[in-house]
């Protein structure tokens, strides 16, 4: 029995010693942790940013997480003191002075705290709510003052590094980046214009498109860079836009159809600016082509805007692309007139006209015995830009020569025979 009691006493003694060793080890570890935490100078607003970066460099993610929590608690304590002063009904001169000092201290601590969480993020640590807390308290608290004037009430925010100064710097950075990319976009546009003008492979429409798209593409890149410079999460923004692209495409399906048709017009180039065309029953000169619409100036100087999907989906007749065109005219004479004489007159009129081309040879033939006239076709070849001038000149001279030669130009008529029945 004595042996059993001795065994129990030994086991109890071992348990007591183990418990003492456990608590001693924890106390030692806590003391060591407290020592290296103290060595990080947590809560010291006078610590230089560069010095803190050097101190954080060898730390692991686990150690940085502990340090970040300590800095957050220090920052929280300072902000709490500022809030306590703000809750007072009336501040003494000493309170106002302390409030200003605490705000300056808060700004310095916040800058140091951001260095810690930035280093933690670089080493793959779990930021949890650390970064959100920094963003939430970044707005400088306004020092309470009995003076209700705007300048006195908001002066501390305007002059604080985390308030007006930071906002001003971000705006300047944003504008500077946009200005730099605007200059770059202008330079790129100039280079593209010069390259397009030297090449004969591009139509004027494609040249205009390339010049515009080059400028806008650089400016879009500049906007993205500028937004990222001021701390906006561009990746998240692009993700949201990408997710909403289906809804946008459905809402703008007509516009996208016009856009796709505009791309096809630029690639296949069925016409160019200044060409005479007929599209969907609209005739005139191409005045302007964008990615969504085509502007046609009619011959009576009306402006017609046609969606590109209607242009690409219709039959397009381009009268300006060929360098030469045939003028098709029909002249009728009476059945009692001399057909050979009429043919000679038409031949002489065409041969005498300076704008009529010798090659290909003009065609002048008796073409049809119509109901009221004998019809001749007259088809001289001319340069495209001389088409209407030749048409008008030949028509006018044919009328004059036929009248002079006594050749009639009949018109449709009917003879009415009345038979009297007795």
Protein backbone atom coordinates (compact mmCIF):
# COMPACT_ATOMS: atom_id res chain seq x y z
CA UNK A 1 0.00 0.00 0.00
CA UNK A 2 2.89 2.32 0.76
CA UNK A 3 4.23 1.56 -2.70
CA UNK A 4 0.92 2.52 -4.29
CA UNK A 5 0.81 5.78 -2.35
CA UNK A 6 4.34 6.58 -3.45
CA UNK A 7 3.39 5.99 -7.12
CA UNK A 8 0.43 8.35 -6.80
CA UNK A 9 2.59 11.00 -5.18
CA UNK A 10 5.15 10.72 -8.01
CA UNK A 11 2.46 11.10 -10.69
CA UNK A 12 1.00 14.13 -8.93
CA UNK A 13 4.44 15.67 -8.63
CA UNK A 14 5.08 15.11 -12.36
CA UNK A 15 1.77 16.78 -13.29
CA UNK A 16 2.55 19.77 -11.08
CA UNK A 17 6.02 20.12 -12.56
CA UNK A 18 4.59 19.86 -16.14
CA UNK A 19 2.04 22.56 -15.41
CA UNK A 20 4.72 24.82 -13.97
CA UNK A 21 6.96 24.24 -16.98
CA UNK A 22 4.03 25.00 -19.39
CA UNK A 23 3.17 28.28 -17.68
CA UNK A 24 6.83 29.23 -17.41
CA UNK A 25 7.38 28.56 -21.10
CA UNK A 26 4.31 30.60 -22.03
CA UNK A 27 5.51 33.41 -19.83
CA UNK A 28 8.91 33.31 -21.45
CA UNK A 29 7.43 33.23 -24.96
CA UNK A 30 5.06 36.06 -24.11
CA UNK A 31 7.93 38.06 -22.72
CA UNK A 32 10.01 37.38 -25.84
CA UNK A 33 7.08 38.30 -28.09
CA UNK A 34 6.55 41.46 -26.10
CA UNK A 35 10.22 42.25 -26.39
CA UNK A 36 10.35 41.93 -30.23
CA UNK A 37 7.03 43.75 -30.54
CA UNK A 38 8.49 46.58 -28.47
CA UNK A 39 11.53 46.55 -30.72
CA UNK A 40 9.23 47.41 -33.66
CA UNK A 41 8.40 50.72 -31.93
CA UNK A 42 4.65 50.20 -32.38
CA UNK A 43 2.75 53.45 -31.86
CA UNK A 44 5.83 55.67 -32.26
CA UNK A 45 4.65 58.46 -34.55
CA UNK A 46 8.19 59.81 -34.88
CA UNK A 47 9.38 56.62 -36.62
CA UNK A 48 10.56 57.23 -40.18
CA UNK A 49 8.83 55.31 -42.97
CA UNK A 50 12.13 54.12 -44.42
CA UNK A 51 13.25 52.84 -41.01
CA UNK A 52 10.02 50.90 -40.56
CA UNK A 53 10.41 49.33 -43.99
CA UNK A 54 13.88 48.08 -43.05
CA UNK A 55 12.56 46.69 -39.75
CA UNK A 56 9.73 44.85 -41.50
CA UNK A 57 11.82 43.38 -44.31
CA UNK A 58 13.05 40.20 -42.49
CA UNK A 59 9.70 39.45 -40.83
CA UNK A 60 7.51 36.55 -41.91
CA UNK A 61 3.82 36.83 -42.78
CA UNK A 62 2.83 35.46 -39.35
CA UNK A 63 5.00 38.00 -37.55
CA UNK A 64 3.76 40.82 -39.77
CA UNK A 65 0.16 39.90 -38.94
CA UNK A 66 0.90 40.36 -35.22
CA UNK A 67 2.69 43.65 -35.90
CA UNK A 68 -0.20 44.92 -38.06
CA UNK A 69 -2.72 44.18 -35.31
CA UNK A 70 -0.54 46.04 -32.81
CA UNK A 71 -0.29 49.09 -35.09
CA UNK A 72 -4.02 48.98 -35.69
CA UNK A 73 -4.72 48.97 -31.95
CA UNK A 74 -2.37 51.95 -31.49
CA UNK A 75 -4.11 53.82 -34.33
CA UNK A 76 -7.49 52.93 -32.88
CA UNK A 77 -6.51 54.32 -29.48
CA UNK A 78 -5.47 57.65 -31.03
CA UNK A 79 -8.69 57.90 -33.04
CA UNK A 80 -10.69 57.14 -29.90
CA UNK A 81 -9.03 60.06 -28.12
CA UNK A 82 -9.93 62.36 -31.02
CA UNK A 83 -13.53 61.14 -30.91
CA UNK A 84 -13.73 61.71 -27.16
CA UNK A 85 -12.67 65.32 -27.65
CA UNK A 86 -15.21 65.75 -30.42
CA UNK A 87 -18.02 64.64 -28.14
CA UNK A 88 -17.40 67.46 -25.70
CA UNK A 89 -19.90 70.31 -25.80
CA UNK A 90 -17.25 72.95 -25.41
CA UNK A 91 -13.51 72.71 -25.89
CA UNK A 92 -10.94 74.66 -23.99
CA UNK A 93 -7.87 76.08 -25.68
CA UNK A 94 -5.89 73.17 -24.31
CA UNK A 95 -8.39 70.68 -25.77
CA UNK A 96 -8.17 72.34 -29.17
CA UNK A 97 -4.42 72.17 -29.07
CA UNK A 98 -4.51 68.50 -28.04
CA UNK A 99 -7.04 67.76 -30.79
CA UNK A 100 -4.77 69.23 -33.46
CA UNK A 101 -1.83 67.28 -32.09
CA UNK A 102 -3.80 64.04 -32.03
CA UNK A 103 -4.91 64.54 -35.64
CA UNK A 104 -1.29 64.99 -36.73
CA UNK A 105 -0.32 61.91 -34.73
CA UNK A 106 -3.17 59.94 -36.32
CA UNK A 107 -2.00 60.86 -39.83
CA UNK A 108 1.55 59.71 -39.08
CA UNK A 109 0.36 56.48 -37.47
CA UNK A 110 -1.93 55.81 -40.42
CA UNK A 111 0.96 56.21 -42.86
CA UNK A 112 3.08 53.79 -40.79
CA UNK A 113 0.18 51.37 -40.52
CA UNK A 114 -0.22 51.36 -44.31
CA UNK A 115 3.46 50.45 -44.66
CA UNK A 116 2.90 47.42 -42.40
CA UNK A 117 -0.17 46.10 -44.23
CA UNK A 118 1.51 46.73 -47.60
CA UNK A 119 4.46 44.57 -46.53
CA UNK A 120 2.03 41.94 -45.23
CA UNK A 121 0.23 41.92 -48.55
CA UNK A 122 3.51 41.55 -50.47
CA UNK A 123 4.38 38.45 -48.41
CA UNK A 124 1.03 36.81 -49.00
CA UNK A 125 -0.48 37.46 -45.61
CA UNK A 126 -4.18 37.51 -44.83
CA UNK A 127 -5.20 41.17 -44.69
CA UNK A 128 -8.72 40.39 -43.48
CA UNK A 129 -10.14 43.71 -42.33
CA UNK A 130 -6.77 45.44 -41.84
CA UNK A 131 -6.81 47.29 -45.15
CA UNK A 132 -10.51 48.08 -44.90
CA UNK A 133 -9.94 49.65 -41.50
CA UNK A 134 -7.18 51.87 -42.90
CA UNK A 135 -9.40 53.03 -45.75
CA UNK A 136 -12.32 53.65 -43.39
CA UNK A 137 -10.38 55.88 -41.00
CA UNK A 138 -8.30 57.63 -43.66
CA UNK A 139 -10.62 60.66 -43.65
CA UNK A 140 -9.14 63.11 -41.21
CA UNK A 141 -11.42 64.04 -38.35
CA UNK A 142 -12.37 67.67 -38.16
CA UNK A 143 -11.19 69.46 -35.11
CA UNK A 144 -14.15 70.75 -33.10
CA UNK A 145 -14.30 74.48 -32.79
CA UNK A 146 -16.81 76.97 -31.44
CA UNK A 147 -16.24 79.07 -34.54
CA UNK A 148 -19.00 78.04 -36.95
CA UNK A 149 -17.32 79.55 -40.04
CA UNK A 150 -16.59 77.20 -42.91
CA UNK A 151 -12.89 77.99 -43.01
CA UNK A 152 -12.35 77.35 -39.32
CA UNK A 153 -14.46 74.19 -39.33
CA UNK A 154 -12.79 72.49 -42.29
CA UNK A 155 -9.29 73.96 -42.22
CA UNK A 156 -7.85 70.91 -40.51
CA UNK A 157 -9.23 68.61 -43.22
CA UNK A 158 -7.99 70.80 -46.05
CA UNK A 159 -4.45 70.97 -44.67
CA UNK A 160 -4.22 67.37 -43.44
CA UNK A 161 -2.07 64.88 -45.32
CA UNK A 162 -4.82 62.26 -45.29
CA UNK A 163 -7.53 64.76 -46.25
CA UNK A 164 -7.36 67.71 -48.60
CA UNK A 165 -3.64 67.38 -49.32
CA UNK A 166 -4.00 63.72 -50.28
CA UNK A 167 -7.06 64.41 -52.41
CA UNK A 168 -5.29 67.28 -54.16
CA UNK A 169 -2.25 65.14 -54.87
CA UNK A 170 -4.43 62.36 -56.29
CA UNK A 171 -6.28 64.81 -58.55
CA UNK A 172 -2.97 66.25 -59.77
CA UNK A 173 -1.59 62.77 -60.43
CA UNK A 174 -4.76 61.81 -62.31
CA UNK A 175 -4.67 64.95 -64.46
CA UNK A 176 -0.92 64.64 -65.08
CA UNK A 177 -1.27 61.05 -66.30
CA UNK A 178 -4.19 62.01 -68.57
CA UNK A 179 -2.22 64.97 -69.93
CA UNK A 180 0.80 62.77 -70.62
CA UNK A 181 -1.31 60.21 -72.48
CA UNK A 182 -3.12 63.01 -74.36
CA UNK A 183 0.22 64.23 -75.68
CA UNK A 184 1.21 60.63 -76.49
CA UNK A 185 -2.12 60.03 -78.25
CA UNK A 186 -1.61 63.13 -80.38
CA UNK A 187 1.86 61.91 -81.34
CA UNK A 188 0.55 58.44 -82.21
CA UNK A 189 -2.28 59.97 -84.27
CA UNK A 190 0.24 62.04 -86.21
CA UNK A 191 2.40 59.00 -86.94
CA UNK A 192 -0.62 56.96 -88.08
CA UNK A 193 -1.84 59.80 -90.32
CA UNK A 194 1.56 60.15 -92.00
CA UNK A 195 1.84 56.40 -92.53
CA UNK A 196 -1.69 56.17 -93.95
CA UNK A 197 -1.17 59.09 -96.31
CA UNK A 198 2.01 57.53 -97.73
CA UNK A 199 0.25 54.25 -98.45
CA UNK A 200 -2.10 53.80 -101.40
CA UNK A 201 -3.68 50.65 -99.96
CA UNK A 202 -6.00 52.49 -97.59
CA UNK A 203 -9.18 54.30 -98.53
CA UNK A 204 -9.95 57.67 -97.02
CA UNK A 205 -12.60 56.01 -94.84
CA UNK A 206 -10.09 53.53 -93.43
CA UNK A 207 -7.53 56.29 -92.92
CA UNK A 208 -10.01 58.31 -90.88
CA UNK A 209 -10.96 55.23 -88.86
CA UNK A 210 -7.33 54.33 -88.11
CA UNK A 211 -6.52 57.89 -87.07
CA UNK A 212 -9.52 58.15 -84.74
CA UNK A 213 -9.16 54.69 -83.22
CA UNK A 214 -5.44 55.15 -82.55
CA UNK A 215 -6.07 58.36 -80.60
CA UNK A 216 -9.00 56.93 -78.64
CA UNK A 217 -7.22 53.66 -77.84
CA UNK A 218 -4.27 55.48 -76.29
CA UNK A 219 -6.63 57.73 -74.30
CA UNK A 220 -8.55 54.71 -72.97
CA UNK A 221 -5.29 53.14 -71.83
CA UNK A 222 -4.34 56.45 -70.26
CA UNK A 223 -7.65 56.60 -68.38
CA UNK A 224 -7.11 53.09 -67.00
CA UNK A 225 -3.57 53.94 -65.90
CA UNK A 226 -4.75 57.21 -64.35
CA UNK A 227 -7.49 55.45 -62.36
CA UNK A 228 -4.97 52.90 -61.12
CA UNK A 229 -2.59 55.68 -60.13
CA UNK A 230 -5.09 57.19 -57.69
CA UNK A 231 -5.80 53.83 -56.05
CA UNK A 232 -8.94 52.70 -57.89
CA UNK A 233 -9.10 48.93 -58.41
CA UNK A 234 -9.15 48.86 -62.20
CA UNK A 235 -9.20 45.05 -62.36
CA UNK A 236 -12.41 44.93 -60.36
CA UNK A 237 -13.91 47.66 -62.54
CA UNK A 238 -13.07 45.77 -65.72
CA UNK A 239 -14.50 42.60 -64.21
CA UNK A 240 -17.80 44.35 -63.52
CA UNK A 241 -17.89 45.77 -67.05
CA UNK A 242 -17.13 42.34 -68.48
CA UNK A 243 -19.89 40.77 -66.43
CA UNK A 244 -22.37 43.38 -67.61
CA UNK A 245 -21.28 43.07 -71.26
CA UNK A 246 -24.10 40.62 -72.06
CA UNK A 247 -26.76 43.02 -70.78
CA UNK A 248 -25.10 45.91 -72.59
CA UNK A 249 -24.90 43.92 -75.82
CA UNK A 250 -28.59 42.99 -75.59
CA UNK A 251 -29.63 46.60 -74.93
CA UNK A 252 -27.44 47.95 -77.74
CA UNK A 253 -27.97 45.20 -80.30
CA UNK A 254 -29.02 47.65 -83.02
CA UNK A 255 -26.00 49.85 -82.36
CA UNK A 256 -23.69 46.83 -82.38
CA UNK A 257 -25.21 45.72 -85.69
CA UNK A 258 -24.43 49.13 -87.15
CA UNK A 259 -20.92 48.91 -85.67
CA UNK A 260 -20.30 45.50 -87.25
CA UNK A 261 -21.61 46.76 -90.60
CA UNK A 262 -19.34 49.81 -90.30
CA UNK A 263 -16.33 47.53 -89.85
CA UNK A 264 -17.33 45.59 -92.98
CA UNK A 265 -17.65 48.82 -94.96
CA UNK A 266 -14.16 49.86 -93.87
CA UNK A 267 -12.64 46.51 -94.78
CA UNK A 268 -14.32 45.88 -98.15
CA UNK A 269 -14.50 49.57 -99.17
CA UNK A 270 -17.50 49.55 -101.54
CA UNK A 271 -17.25 53.36 -101.63
CA UNK A 272 -15.16 56.24 -100.35
CA UNK A 273 -15.81 59.79 -99.20
CA UNK A 274 -16.85 61.90 -102.18
CA UNK A 275 -18.17 58.99 -104.27
CA UNK A 276 -21.51 59.19 -106.04
CA UNK A 277 -23.62 56.27 -104.84
CA UNK A 278 -27.14 54.94 -104.69
CA UNK A 279 -27.99 53.01 -101.51
CA UNK A 280 -31.48 51.82 -100.64
CA UNK A 281 -33.13 54.31 -102.95
CA UNK A 282 -30.99 57.25 -101.75
CA UNK A 283 -28.69 58.83 -104.35
CA UNK A 284 -26.00 61.38 -103.64
CA UNK A 285 -22.40 61.95 -102.60
CA UNK A 286 -20.82 60.21 -99.60
CA UNK A 287 -20.19 62.99 -97.10
CA UNK A 288 -19.06 61.09 -94.03
CA UNK A 289 -18.86 57.52 -92.73
CA UNK A 290 -18.63 56.54 -89.05
CA UNK A 291 -18.78 53.15 -87.39
CA UNK A 292 -22.54 53.39 -86.91
CA UNK A 293 -23.89 55.49 -89.78
CA UNK A 294 -23.23 56.86 -93.25
CA UNK A 295 -24.08 60.44 -94.21
CA UNK A 296 -25.12 61.00 -97.84
CA UNK A 297 -25.51 64.49 -99.32
CA UNK A 298 -28.16 64.32 -102.03
CA UNK A 299 -27.91 66.25 -105.28
CA UNK A 300 -30.39 68.83 -103.98
CA UNK A 301 -28.12 69.33 -100.92
CA UNK A 302 -30.13 67.35 -98.37
CA UNK A 303 -28.30 65.45 -95.63
CA UNK A 304 -29.47 61.84 -95.27
CA UNK A 305 -28.18 59.74 -92.37
CA UNK A 306 -28.38 56.02 -93.11
CA UNK A 307 -27.60 53.36 -90.44
CA UNK A 308 -24.70 51.19 -91.57
CA UNK A 309 -26.69 47.97 -91.24
CA UNK A 310 -29.09 49.35 -93.86
CA UNK A 311 -26.19 50.36 -96.11
CA UNK A 312 -24.43 47.00 -95.92
CA UNK A 313 -27.69 45.08 -96.28
CA UNK A 314 -28.78 46.92 -99.46
CA UNK A 315 -27.57 46.92 -103.06
CA UNK A 316 -24.83 49.57 -103.38
CA UNK A 317 -24.37 51.28 -106.75
CA UNK A 318 -21.12 53.26 -106.96
CA UNK A 319 -20.83 55.56 -109.95
CA UNK A 320 -17.48 57.09 -109.00
CA UNK A 321 -15.18 54.09 -108.64
CA UNK A 322 -14.72 53.42 -112.41
CA UNK A 323 -12.60 56.04 -114.14
CA UNK A 324 -14.73 55.82 -117.29
CA UNK A 325 -18.50 55.62 -117.78
CA UNK A 326 -20.85 55.14 -120.70
CA UNK A 327 -23.56 57.72 -121.23
CA UNK A 328 -26.72 55.90 -122.27
CA UNK A 329 -29.18 58.05 -124.24
CA UNK A 330 -32.17 57.25 -126.48
CA UNK A 331 -33.45 59.61 -129.18
CA UNK A 332 -36.65 59.00 -131.13
CA UNK A 333 -37.65 60.26 -134.57
CA UNK A 334 -40.89 59.98 -136.50
CA UNK A 335 -41.65 57.13 -138.90
CA UNK A 336 -41.75 59.59 -141.77
CA UNK A 337 -38.28 61.03 -141.09
CA UNK A 338 -34.98 59.99 -142.71
CA UNK A 339 -33.36 57.48 -140.33
CA UNK A 340 -29.96 57.57 -142.08
CA UNK A 341 -29.81 61.35 -141.81
CA UNK A 342 -30.67 61.19 -138.10
CA UNK A 343 -27.87 58.65 -137.52
CA UNK A 344 -25.34 60.90 -139.29
CA UNK A 345 -26.39 63.88 -137.18
CA UNK A 346 -26.00 61.88 -133.94
CA UNK A 347 -22.58 60.57 -135.06
CA UNK A 348 -21.32 64.07 -135.90
CA UNK A 349 -22.53 65.52 -132.57
CA UNK A 350 -20.73 62.81 -130.57
CA UNK A 351 -17.51 63.06 -132.61
CA UNK A 352 -17.37 66.84 -132.28
CA UNK A 353 -17.69 66.83 -128.47
CA UNK A 354 -14.31 67.38 -126.79
CA UNK A 355 -15.16 65.36 -123.67
CA UNK A 356 -16.16 62.19 -125.51
CA UNK A 357 -13.43 59.51 -125.51
CA UNK A 358 -12.23 57.92 -128.73
CA UNK A 359 -11.67 54.60 -127.00
CA UNK A 360 -13.91 52.76 -126.40
CA UNK A 361 -15.74 53.81 -129.54
CA UNK A 362 -19.24 55.28 -129.11
CA UNK A 363 -22.23 53.19 -130.16
CA UNK A 364 -24.92 54.81 -132.33
CA UNK A 365 -27.50 52.45 -133.80
CA UNK A 366 -31.17 52.24 -134.75
CA UNK A 367 -32.41 50.26 -131.79
CA UNK A 368 -36.18 49.97 -131.72
CA UNK A 369 -39.34 50.51 -133.72
CA UNK A 370 -41.57 51.73 -130.96
CA UNK A 371 -45.29 52.49 -131.01
CA UNK A 372 -44.88 56.18 -131.80
CA UNK A 373 -41.21 56.59 -132.80
CA UNK A 374 -38.11 55.08 -134.33
CA UNK A 375 -35.56 54.98 -131.47
CA UNK A 376 -31.79 55.37 -131.77
CA UNK A 377 -29.36 54.49 -128.97
CA UNK A 378 -26.47 56.88 -128.46
CA UNK A 379 -23.75 55.59 -126.09
CA UNK A 380 -20.53 57.62 -125.95
CA UNK A 381 -17.79 56.89 -123.35
CA UNK A 382 -16.55 59.67 -121.09
CA UNK A 383 -14.56 60.19 -117.93
CA UNK A 384 -16.64 59.67 -114.82
CA UNK A 385 -16.48 63.30 -113.75
CA UNK A 386 -17.72 64.42 -117.24
CA UNK A 387 -20.78 62.16 -117.30
CA UNK A 388 -23.54 64.70 -116.75
CA UNK A 389 -21.90 67.47 -118.76
CA UNK A 390 -21.74 65.28 -121.86
CA UNK A 391 -25.29 64.05 -121.29
CA UNK A 392 -26.64 67.58 -121.14
CA UNK A 393 -24.55 68.90 -124.04
CA UNK A 394 -25.45 66.08 -126.43
CA UNK A 395 -29.16 66.24 -125.55
CA UNK A 396 -29.29 69.98 -126.14
CA UNK A 397 -27.44 69.83 -129.47
CA UNK A 398 -29.55 66.90 -130.76
CA UNK A 399 -32.69 68.93 -130.21
CA UNK A 400 -31.20 71.90 -132.07
CA UNK A 401 -29.86 69.81 -135.01
CA UNK A 402 -33.05 67.82 -135.42
CA UNK A 403 -35.12 71.03 -135.50
CA UNK A 404 -32.77 72.58 -138.04
CA UNK A 405 -32.89 69.47 -140.29
CA UNK A 406 -36.67 69.13 -140.05
CA UNK A 407 -36.51 65.84 -138.16
CA UNK A 408 -39.39 65.50 -135.74
CA UNK A 409 -39.17 64.20 -132.20
CA UNK A 410 -42.51 62.45 -131.75
CA UNK A 411 -44.39 62.04 -128.57
CA UNK A 412 -46.94 59.38 -127.65
CA UNK A 413 -50.37 60.13 -129.11
CA UNK A 414 -53.63 58.41 -129.87
CA UNK A 415 -55.93 58.71 -132.87
CA UNK A 416 -59.63 58.62 -132.16
CA UNK A 417 -61.89 57.42 -135.00
CA UNK A 418 -65.61 58.19 -134.59
CA UNK A 419 -68.01 56.17 -136.70
CA UNK A 420 -71.51 57.46 -136.97
CA UNK A 421 -74.17 54.80 -136.95
CA UNK A 422 -77.45 55.73 -138.61
